[in-house]
PDB file of N, CA and C in Angstrom:
ATOM      1  N   MET A   1     214.036  71.709-136.083  1.00  0.00           N
ATOM      2  CA  MET A   1     213.241  72.377-135.133  1.00  0.00           C
ATOM      3  C   MET A   1     211.997  71.577-134.731  1.00  0.00           C
ATOM      4  N   ALA A   2     211.886  71.500-133.375  1.00  0.00           N
ATOM      5  CA  ALA A   2     210.614  70.653-132.965  1.00  0.00           C
ATOM      6  C   ALA A   2     209.268  71.495-133.112  1.00  0.00           C
ATOM      7  N   LYS A   3     208.306  70.737-133.241  1.00  0.00           N
ATOM      8  CA  LYS A   3     206.881  71.382-133.278  1.00  0.00           C
ATOM      9  C   LYS A   3     206.671  72.057-131.984  1.00  0.00           C
ATOM     10  N   ALA A   4     205.632  72.973-132.018  1.00  0.00           N
ATOM     11  CA  ALA A   4     205.300  73.653-130.776  1.00  0.00           C
ATOM     12  C   ALA A   4     203.758  73.515-130.612  1.00  0.00           C
ATOM     13  N   TYR A   5     203.398  73.565-129.383  1.00  0.00           N
ATOM     14  CA  TYR A   5     201.973  73.269-129.069  1.00  0.00           C
ATOM     15  C   TYR A   5     201.481  74.389-128.096  1.00  0.00           C
ATOM     16  N   TRP A   6     200.395  74.938-128.600  1.00  0.00           N
ATOM     17  CA  TRP A   6     199.654  76.044-127.887  1.00  0.00           C
ATOM     18  C   TRP A   6     198.381  75.395-127.143  1.00  0.00           C
ATOM     19  N   ILE A   7     198.430  75.451-125.836  1.00  0.00           N
ATOM     20  CA  ILE A   7     197.441  74.972-124.885  1.00  0.00           C
ATOM     21  C   ILE A   7     196.680  75.951-124.232  1.00  0.00           C
ATOM     22  N   SER A   8     195.368  76.032-124.435  1.00  0.00           N
ATOM     23  CA  SER A   8     194.602  77.047-123.739  1.00  0.00           C
ATOM     24  C   SER A   8     193.668  76.248-122.793  1.00  0.00           C
ATOM     25  N   ALA A   9     193.756  76.582-121.476  1.00  0.00           N
ATOM     26  CA  ALA A   9     192.978  76.016-120.475  1.00  0.00           C
ATOM     27  C   ALA A   9     192.070  76.912-119.831  1.00  0.00           C
ATOM     28  N   TYR A  10     190.743  76.859-120.123  1.00  0.00           N
ATOM     29  CA  TYR A  10     189.730  77.796-119.590  1.00  0.00           C
ATOM     30  C   TYR A  10     189.320  77.433-118.151  1.00  0.00           C
ATOM     31  N   ARG A  11     189.456  78.241-117.193  1.00  0.00           N
ATOM     32  CA  ARG A  11     189.128  77.931-115.887  1.00  0.00           C
ATOM     33  C   ARG A  11     187.619  78.246-115.621  1.00  0.00           C
ATOM     34  N   SER A  12     187.146  79.199-116.395  1.00  0.00           N
ATOM     35  CA  SER A  12     185.823  79.743-116.311  1.00  0.00           C
ATOM     36  C   SER A  12     185.399  80.490-117.546  1.00  0.00           C
ATOM     37  N   ILE A  13     184.169  80.431-117.888  1.00  0.00           N
ATOM     38  CA  ILE A  13     183.586  81.233-119.147  1.00  0.00           C
ATOM     39  C   ILE A  13     182.507  82.060-118.611  1.00  0.00           C
ATOM     40  N   ASN A  14     182.656  83.382-118.634  1.00  0.00           N
ATOM     41  CA  ASN A  14     181.728  84.314-118.009  1.00  0.00           C
ATOM     42  C   ASN A  14     180.805  84.903-119.078  1.00  0.00           C
ATOM     43  N   ASP A  15     181.141  84.869-120.351  1.00  0.00           N
ATOM     44  CA  ASP A  15     180.388  85.530-121.369  1.00  0.00           C
ATOM     45  C   ASP A  15     180.503  84.723-122.654  1.00  0.00           C
ATOM     46  N   THR A  16     179.535  83.876-122.913  1.00  0.00           N
ATOM     47  CA  THR A  16     179.686  82.979-124.036  1.00  0.00           C
ATOM     48  C   THR A  16     179.523  83.715-125.383  1.00  0.00           C
ATOM     49  N   ASP A  17     178.890  84.865-125.396  1.00  0.00           N
ATOM     50  CA  ASP A  17     178.682  85.625-126.639  1.00  0.00           C
ATOM     51  C   ASP A  17     180.139  86.227-127.049  1.00  0.00           C
ATOM     52  N   ALA A  18     180.865  86.779-126.004  1.00  0.00           N
ATOM     53  CA  ALA A  18     182.239  87.269-126.340  1.00  0.00           C
ATOM     54  C   ALA A  18     183.018  86.185-126.741  1.00  0.00           C
ATOM     55  N   LEU A  19     183.068  84.992-126.121  1.00  0.00           N
ATOM     56  CA  LEU A  19     183.812  83.829-126.505  1.00  0.00           C
ATOM     57  C   LEU A  19     183.466  83.370-128.001  1.00  0.00           C
ATOM     58  N   ALA A  20     182.216  83.370-128.331  1.00  0.00           N
ATOM     59  CA  ALA A  20     181.928  83.057-129.710  1.00  0.00           C
ATOM     60  C   ALA A  20     182.443  84.178-130.605  1.00  0.00           C
ATOM     61  N   ALA A  21     182.396  85.394-130.287  1.00  0.00           N
ATOM     62  CA  ALA A  21     183.000  86.423-131.224  1.00  0.00           C
ATOM     63  C   ALA A  21     184.412  86.287-131.291  1.00  0.00           C
ATOM     64  N   TYR A  22     185.080  85.909-130.289  1.00  0.00           N
ATOM     65  CA  TYR A  22     186.565  85.690-130.190  1.00  0.00           C
ATOM     66  C   TYR A  22     186.937  84.535-131.145  1.00  0.00           C
ATOM     67  N   ALA A  23     186.146  83.332-130.912  1.00  0.00           N
ATOM     68  CA  ALA A  23     186.414  82.176-131.707  1.00  0.00           C
ATOM     69  C   ALA A  23     186.185  82.363-133.161  1.00  0.00           C
ATOM     70  N   LYS A  24     185.318  83.148-133.574  1.00  0.00           N
ATOM     71  CA  LYS A  24     185.029  83.439-135.036  1.00  0.00           C
ATOM     72  C   LYS A  24     186.241  84.159-135.684  1.00  0.00           C
ATOM     73  N   LEU A  25     186.931  84.887-134.953  1.00  0.00           N
ATOM     74  CA  LEU A  25     188.186  85.650-135.385  1.00  0.00           C
ATOM     75  C   LEU A  25     189.449  84.853-135.113  1.00  0.00           C
ATOM     76  N   ALA A  26     189.520  84.223-134.005  1.00  0.00           N
ATOM     77  CA  ALA A  26     190.753  83.488-133.617  1.00  0.00           C
ATOM     78  C   ALA A  26     191.017  82.426-134.464  1.00  0.00           C
ATOM     79  N   GLY A  27     190.041  81.550-134.564  1.00  0.00           N
ATOM     80  CA  GLY A  27     190.154  80.261-135.468  1.00  0.00           C
ATOM     81  C   GLY A  27     190.756  80.500-136.803  1.00  0.00           C
ATOM     82  N   PRO A  28     190.217  81.235-137.577  1.00  0.00           N
ATOM     83  CA  PRO A  28     190.904  81.489-138.931  1.00  0.00           C
ATOM     84  C   PRO A  28     192.169  82.281-138.957  1.00  0.00           C
ATOM     85  N   SER A  29     192.366  83.135-137.912  1.00  0.00           N
ATOM     86  CA  SER A  29     193.660  83.805-137.736  1.00  0.00           C
ATOM     87  C   SER A  29     194.749  82.866-137.345  1.00  0.00           C
ATOM     88  N   LEU A  30     194.551  81.875-136.397  1.00  0.00           N
ATOM     89  CA  LEU A  30     195.504  80.954-136.124  1.00  0.00           C
ATOM     90  C   LEU A  30     195.782  79.873-137.093  1.00  0.00           C
ATOM     91  N   THR A  31     194.704  79.525-137.801  1.00  0.00           N
ATOM     92  CA  THR A  31     194.916  78.518-138.955  1.00  0.00           C
ATOM     93  C   THR A  31     195.727  79.245-140.050  1.00  0.00           C
ATOM     94  N   ALA A  32     195.518  80.452-140.385  1.00  0.00           N
ATOM     95  CA  ALA A  32     196.199  81.194-141.443  1.00  0.00           C
ATOM     96  C   ALA A  32     197.570  81.408-140.961  1.00  0.00           C
ATOM     97  N   ALA A  33     197.939  81.372-139.775  1.00  0.00           N
ATOM     98  CA  ALA A  33     199.332  81.580-139.282  1.00  0.00           C
ATOM     99  C   ALA A  33     199.981  80.174-139.124  1.00  0.00           C
ATOM    100  N   GLY A  34     199.334  79.180-139.678  1.00  0.00           N
ATOM    101  CA  GLY A  34     199.990  77.883-139.708  1.00  0.00           C
ATOM    102  C   GLY A  34     199.525  76.772-138.559  1.00  0.00           C
ATOM    103  N   GLY A  35     198.618  77.291-137.778  1.00  0.00           N
ATOM    104  CA  GLY A  35     198.319  76.503-136.717  1.00  0.00           C
ATOM    105  C   GLY A  35     197.344  75.380-137.212  1.00  0.00           C
ATOM    106  N   LYS A  36     197.411  74.292-136.476  1.00  0.00           N
ATOM    107  CA  LYS A  36     196.470  73.068-136.818  1.00  0.00           C
ATOM    108  C   LYS A  36     195.852  72.612-135.485  1.00  0.00           C
ATOM    109  N   PHE A  37     194.584  72.797-135.483  1.00  0.00           N
ATOM    110  CA  PHE A  37     193.784  72.469-134.328  1.00  0.00           C
ATOM    111  C   PHE A  37     193.767  70.984-134.150  1.00  0.00           C
ATOM    112  N   LEU A  38     194.270  70.415-133.031  1.00  0.00           N
ATOM    113  CA  LEU A  38     194.347  68.977-132.768  1.00  0.00           C
ATOM    114  C   LEU A  38     193.117  68.538-131.806  1.00  0.00           C
ATOM    115  N   ALA A  39     192.802  69.570-130.963  1.00  0.00           N
ATOM    116  CA  ALA A  39     191.724  69.084-130.053  1.00  0.00           C
ATOM    117  C   ALA A  39     191.159  70.256-129.372  1.00  0.00           C
ATOM    118  N   ARG A  40     189.772  70.315-129.089  1.00  0.00           N
ATOM    119  CA  ARG A  40     189.271  71.368-128.252  1.00  0.00           C
ATOM    120  C   ARG A  40     187.924  70.879-127.745  1.00  0.00           C
ATOM    121  N   GLY A  41     187.575  71.230-126.579  1.00  0.00           N
ATOM    122  CA  GLY A  41     186.455  70.866-125.911  1.00  0.00           C
ATOM    123  C   GLY A  41     186.658  70.502-124.430  1.00  0.00           C
ATOM    124  N   ILE A  42     185.630  69.909-123.961  1.00  0.00           N
ATOM    125  CA  ILE A  42     185.740  69.399-122.466  1.00  0.00           C
ATOM    126  C   ILE A  42     186.368  68.113-122.490  1.00  0.00           C
ATOM    127  N   PRO A  43     187.234  67.836-121.444  1.00  0.00           N
ATOM    128  CA  PRO A  43     187.984  66.643-121.369  1.00  0.00           C
ATOM    129  C   PRO A  43     187.068  65.432-121.225  1.00  0.00           C
ATOM    130  N   ALA A  44     187.463  64.314-121.829  1.00  0.00           N
ATOM    131  CA  ALA A  44     186.573  63.071-121.700  1.00  0.00           C
ATOM    132  C   ALA A  44     186.800  62.509-120.248  1.00  0.00           C
ATOM    133  N   ALA A  45     188.010  62.727-119.661  1.00  0.00           N
ATOM    134  CA  ALA A  45     188.301  62.305-118.235  1.00  0.00           C
ATOM    135  C   ALA A  45     189.402  63.342-117.717  1.00  0.00           C
ATOM    136  N   VAL A  46     189.246  63.564-116.493  1.00  0.00           N
ATOM    137  CA  VAL A  46     190.350  64.396-115.686  1.00  0.00           C
ATOM    138  C   VAL A  46     190.866  63.445-114.693  1.00  0.00           C
ATOM    139  N   LYS A  47     192.101  63.494-114.367  1.00  0.00           N
ATOM    140  CA  LYS A  47     192.668  62.680-113.314  1.00  0.00           C
ATOM    141  C   LYS A  47     193.461  63.551-112.385  1.00  0.00           C
ATOM    142  N   GLU A  48     193.836  63.032-111.217  1.00  0.00           N
ATOM    143  CA  GLU A  48     194.639  63.658-110.218  1.00  0.00           C
ATOM    144  C   GLU A  48     193.975  65.129-109.843  1.00  0.00           C
ATOM    145  N   ASN A  49     194.715  66.104-110.071  1.00  0.00           N
ATOM    146  CA  ASN A  49     194.096  67.345-109.708  1.00  0.00           C
ATOM    147  C   ASN A  49     193.589  68.188-110.879  1.00  0.00           C
ATOM    148  N   GLY A  50     193.333  67.515-112.021  1.00  0.00           N
ATOM    149  CA  GLY A  50     192.810  68.001-113.268  1.00  0.00           C
ATOM    150  C   GLY A  50     191.323  68.656-112.988  1.00  0.00           C
ATOM    151  N   GLN A  51     191.047  69.644-113.860  1.00  0.00           N
ATOM    152  CA  GLN A  51     189.749  70.434-113.802  1.00  0.00           C
ATOM    153  C   GLN A  51     188.959  69.995-115.057  1.00  0.00           C
ATOM    154  N   GLN A  52     187.671  69.894-114.936  1.00  0.00           N
ATOM    155  CA  GLN A  52     186.766  69.677-116.052  1.00  0.00           C
ATOM    156  C   GLN A  52     186.499  71.000-116.811  1.00  0.00           C
ATOM    157  N   GLU A  53     187.505  71.435-117.555  1.00  0.00           N
ATOM    158  CA  GLU A  53     187.474  72.745-118.207  1.00  0.00           C
ATOM    159  C   GLU A  53     187.714  72.645-119.656  1.00  0.00           C
ATOM    160  N   ARG A  54     187.186  73.532-120.476  1.00  0.00           N
ATOM    161  CA  ARG A  54     187.391  73.646-121.865  1.00  0.00           C
ATOM    162  C   ARG A  54     188.937  73.751-122.077  1.00  0.00           C
ATOM    163  N   THR A  55     189.578  72.947-122.990  1.00  0.00           N
ATOM    164  CA  THR A  55     190.870  72.951-123.395  1.00  0.00           C
ATOM    165  C   THR A  55     190.978  72.850-124.928  1.00  0.00           C
ATOM    166  N   VAL A  56     191.999  73.672-125.364  1.00  0.00           N
ATOM    167  CA  VAL A  56     192.133  73.750-126.799  1.00  0.00           C
ATOM    168  C   VAL A  56     193.760  73.431-127.029  1.00  0.00           C
ATOM    169  N   LEU A  57     193.981  72.595-128.028  1.00  0.00           N
ATOM    170  CA  LEU A  57     195.371  72.181-128.399  1.00  0.00           C
ATOM    171  C   LEU A  57     195.739  72.466-129.793  1.00  0.00           C
ATOM    172  N   ILE A  58     196.595  73.386-130.066  1.00  0.00           N
ATOM    173  CA  ILE A  58     196.937  73.648-131.506  1.00  0.00           C
ATOM    174  C   ILE A  58     198.397  73.449-131.788  1.00  0.00           C
ATOM    175  N   GLU A  59     198.731  72.806-132.835  1.00  0.00           N
ATOM    176  CA  GLU A  59     200.163  72.566-133.233  1.00  0.00           C
ATOM    177  C   GLU A  59     200.575  73.596-134.207  1.00  0.00           C
ATOM    178  N   PHE A  60     201.860  74.007-134.085  1.00  0.00           N
ATOM    179  CA  PHE A  60     202.608  74.898-134.950  1.00  0.00           C
ATOM    180  C   PHE A  60     203.864  74.337-135.360  1.00  0.00           C
ATOM    181  N   GLU A  61     204.529  74.779-136.480  1.00  0.00           N
ATOM    182  CA  GLU A  61     205.784  74.267-136.911  1.00  0.00           C
ATOM    183  C   GLU A  61     206.874  74.361-135.781  1.00  0.00           C
ATOM    184  N   ASN A  62     206.839  75.519-135.062  1.00  0.00           N
ATOM    185  CA  ASN A  62     207.815  75.740-134.071  1.00  0.00           C
ATOM    186  C   ASN A  62     207.381  76.809-133.035  1.00  0.00           C
ATOM    187  N   VAL A  63     208.110  77.070-132.023  1.00  0.00           N
ATOM    188  CA  VAL A  63     207.663  78.159-131.054  1.00  0.00           C
ATOM    189  C   VAL A  63     207.628  79.507-131.656  1.00  0.00           C
ATOM    190  N   ALA A  64     208.568  79.783-132.556  1.00  0.00           N
ATOM    191  CA  ALA A  64     208.537  81.127-133.208  1.00  0.00           C
ATOM    192  C   ALA A  64     207.172  81.269-134.034  1.00  0.00           C
ATOM    193  N   ALA A  65     206.739  80.296-134.681  1.00  0.00           N
ATOM    194  CA  ALA A  65     205.403  80.456-135.456  1.00  0.00           C
ATOM    195  C   ALA A  65     204.271  80.555-134.416  1.00  0.00           C
ATOM    196  N   ALA A  66     204.278  79.881-133.331  1.00  0.00           N
ATOM    197  CA  ALA A  66     203.162  80.001-132.369  1.00  0.00           C
ATOM    198  C   ALA A  66     203.104  81.427-131.697  1.00  0.00           C
ATOM    199  N   LEU A  67     204.372  81.942-131.298  1.00  0.00           N
ATOM    200  CA  LEU A  67     204.444  83.310-130.835  1.00  0.00           C
ATOM    201  C   LEU A  67     204.011  84.240-131.860  1.00  0.00           C
ATOM    202  N   ALA A  68     204.416  84.146-133.127  1.00  0.00           N
ATOM    203  CA  ALA A  68     204.016  85.079-134.138  1.00  0.00           C
ATOM    204  C   ALA A  68     202.598  85.103-134.372  1.00  0.00           C
ATOM    205  N   ALA A  69     201.900  83.858-134.338  1.00  0.00           N
ATOM    206  CA  ALA A  69     200.553  83.736-134.486  1.00  0.00           C
ATOM    207  C   ALA A  69     199.759  84.539-133.303  1.00  0.00           C
ATOM    208  N   TYR A  70     200.252  84.364-132.072  1.00  0.00           N
ATOM    209  CA  TYR A  70     199.703  85.078-130.966  1.00  0.00           C
ATOM    210  C   TYR A  70     199.966  86.561-131.137  1.00  0.00           C
ATOM    211  N   ASN A  71     200.867  87.032-131.598  1.00  0.00           N
ATOM    212  CA  ASN A  71     201.177  88.452-131.760  1.00  0.00           C
ATOM    213  C   ASN A  71     200.532  89.068-133.091  1.00  0.00           C
ATOM    214  N   SER A  72     199.961  88.289-133.938  1.00  0.00           N
ATOM    215  CA  SER A  72     199.528  88.683-135.299  1.00  0.00           C
ATOM    216  C   SER A  72     198.355  89.660-135.116  1.00  0.00           C
ATOM    217  N   PRO A  73     198.220  90.501-136.063  1.00  0.00           N
ATOM    218  CA  PRO A  73     197.106  91.474-135.964  1.00  0.00           C
ATOM    219  C   PRO A  73     195.706  90.786-135.859  1.00  0.00           C
ATOM    220  N   GLY A  74     195.549  89.640-136.664  1.00  0.00           N
ATOM    221  CA  GLY A  74     194.330  89.013-136.614  1.00  0.00           C
ATOM    222  C   GLY A  74     193.999  88.432-135.247  1.00  0.00           C
ATOM    223  N   TYR A  75     194.948  87.774-134.574  1.00  0.00           N
ATOM    224  CA  TYR A  75     194.663  87.328-133.289  1.00  0.00           C
ATOM    225  C   TYR A  75     194.547  88.346-132.235  1.00  0.00           C
ATOM    226  N   GLN A  76     195.234  89.502-132.332  1.00  0.00           N
ATOM    227  CA  GLN A  76     195.110  90.539-131.372  1.00  0.00           C
ATOM    228  C   GLN A  76     193.666  91.180-131.555  1.00  0.00           C
ATOM    229  N   GLU A  77     193.119  91.132-132.732  1.00  0.00           N
ATOM    230  CA  GLU A  77     191.754  91.649-133.033  1.00  0.00           C
ATOM    231  C   GLU A  77     190.641  90.637-132.282  1.00  0.00           C
ATOM    232  N   ALA A  78     191.134  89.373-132.329  1.00  0.00           N
ATOM    233  CA  ALA A  78     190.183  88.407-131.597  1.00  0.00           C
ATOM    234  C   ALA A  78     190.263  88.605-130.054  1.00  0.00           C
ATOM    235  N   LEU A  79     191.302  88.979-129.575  1.00  0.00           N
ATOM    236  CA  LEU A  79     191.397  89.237-128.116  1.00  0.00           C
ATOM    237  C   LEU A  79     190.684  90.429-127.860  1.00  0.00           C
ATOM    238  N   VAL A  80     190.605  91.404-128.739  1.00  0.00           N
ATOM    239  CA  VAL A  80     189.773  92.646-128.368  1.00  0.00           C
ATOM    240  C   VAL A  80     188.377  92.228-128.284  1.00  0.00           C
ATOM    241  N   ALA A  81     187.997  91.251-129.206  1.00  0.00           N
ATOM    242  CA  ALA A  81     186.608  90.738-129.205  1.00  0.00           C
ATOM    243  C   ALA A  81     186.187  90.104-127.937  1.00  0.00           C
ATOM    244  N   LEU A  82     187.258  89.340-127.553  1.00  0.00           N
ATOM    245  CA  LEU A  82     187.056  88.548-126.142  1.00  0.00           C
ATOM    246  C   LEU A  82     186.816  89.435-125.019  1.00  0.00           C
ATOM    247  N   GLY A  83     187.634  90.604-124.991  1.00  0.00           N
ATOM    248  CA  GLY A  83     187.500  91.525-123.902  1.00  0.00           C
ATOM    249  C   GLY A  83     188.271  90.915-122.639  1.00  0.00           C
ATOM    250  N   SER A  84     188.091  91.617-121.475  1.00  0.00           N
ATOM    251  CA  SER A  84     189.037  91.307-120.430  1.00  0.00           C
ATOM    252  C   SER A  84     188.351  90.492-119.351  1.00  0.00           C
ATOM    253  N   ASN A  85     186.902  90.340-119.406  1.00  0.00           N
ATOM    254  CA  ASN A  85     186.170  89.639-118.403  1.00  0.00           C
ATOM    255  C   ASN A  85     185.474  88.376-118.865  1.00  0.00           C
ATOM    256  N   ALA A  86     185.628  88.120-120.177  1.00  0.00           N
ATOM    257  CA  ALA A  86     184.707  87.002-120.786  1.00  0.00           C
ATOM    258  C   ALA A  86     185.178  85.741-120.226  1.00  0.00           C
ATOM    259  N   VAL A  87     186.504  85.427-120.090  1.00  0.00           N
ATOM    260  CA  VAL A  87     186.979  84.085-119.542  1.00  0.00           C
ATOM    261  C   VAL A  87     188.113  84.285-118.648  1.00  0.00           C
ATOM    262  N   VAL A  88     188.303  83.305-117.807  1.00  0.00           N
ATOM    263  CA  VAL A  88     189.635  83.177-116.991  1.00  0.00           C
ATOM    264  C   VAL A  88     190.348  81.932-117.675  1.00  0.00           C
ATOM    265  N   ARG A  89     191.435  82.109-118.166  1.00  0.00           N
ATOM    266  CA  ARG A  89     192.152  81.067-118.830  1.00  0.00           C
ATOM    267  C   ARG A  89     193.566  81.368-118.763  1.00  0.00           C
ATOM    268  N   ASP A  90     194.355  80.265-119.104  1.00  0.00           N
ATOM    269  CA  ASP A  90     195.836  80.510-119.353  1.00  0.00           C
ATOM    270  C   ASP A  90     196.203  79.771-120.705  1.00  0.00           C
ATOM    271  N   ILE A  91     197.234  80.397-121.299  1.00  0.00           N
ATOM    272  CA  ILE A  91     197.620  79.823-122.570  1.00  0.00           C
ATOM    273  C   ILE A  91     199.137  79.522-122.345  1.00  0.00           C
ATOM    274  N   ARG A  92     199.528  78.343-122.832  1.00  0.00           N
ATOM    275  CA  ARG A  92     200.844  77.920-122.736  1.00  0.00           C
ATOM    276  C   ARG A  92     201.353  77.520-124.060  1.00  0.00           C
ATOM    277  N   ILE A  93     202.535  77.917-124.314  1.00  0.00           N
ATOM    278  CA  ILE A  93     203.191  77.520-125.618  1.00  0.00           C
ATOM    279  C   ILE A  93     204.393  76.607-125.294  1.00  0.00           C
ATOM    280  N   ILE A  94     204.476  75.393-125.700  1.00  0.00           N
ATOM    281  CA  ILE A  94     205.429  74.576-125.348  1.00  0.00           C
ATOM    282  C   ILE A  94     206.113  73.834-126.567  1.00  0.00           C
ATOM    283  N   GLU A  95     207.353  73.603-126.446  1.00  0.00           N
ATOM    284  CA  GLU A  95     208.089  72.838-127.607  1.00  0.00           C
ATOM    285  C   GLU A  95     207.842  71.379-127.490  1.00  0.00           C
ATOM    286  N   GLY A  96     207.639  70.687-128.483  1.00  0.00           N
ATOM    287  CA  GLY A  96     207.557  69.356-128.598  1.00  0.00           C
ATOM    288  C   GLY A  96     208.922  68.643-128.411  1.00  0.00           C
ATOM    289  N   VAL A  97     208.732  67.356-128.201  1.00  0.00           N
ATOM    290  CA  VAL A  97     209.945  66.606-127.914  1.00  0.00           C
ATOM    291  C   VAL A  97     210.318  65.776-129.271  1.00  0.00           C
TER     292      VAL A  97
END
């Protein structure tokens, strides 16, 4: 089975305190679920139609593991801490090649 990659792209951050509360819960939850943080932060460069936005890249053993991590009680608790208006982002889970 191919590895899977969770990519979070933040379009905007409206509440840094809520994001910090989320990160405090989400990081350990995703790591406990087998996630390995490969990169996070503002891009060193953006090209074509890219945006200078916070991006997070996490590796999982497979898609099922990434989806299980997202649906885990610990990560769901982190989402509650984040709330509905703290950030505008999208999360993509893709299978590696």
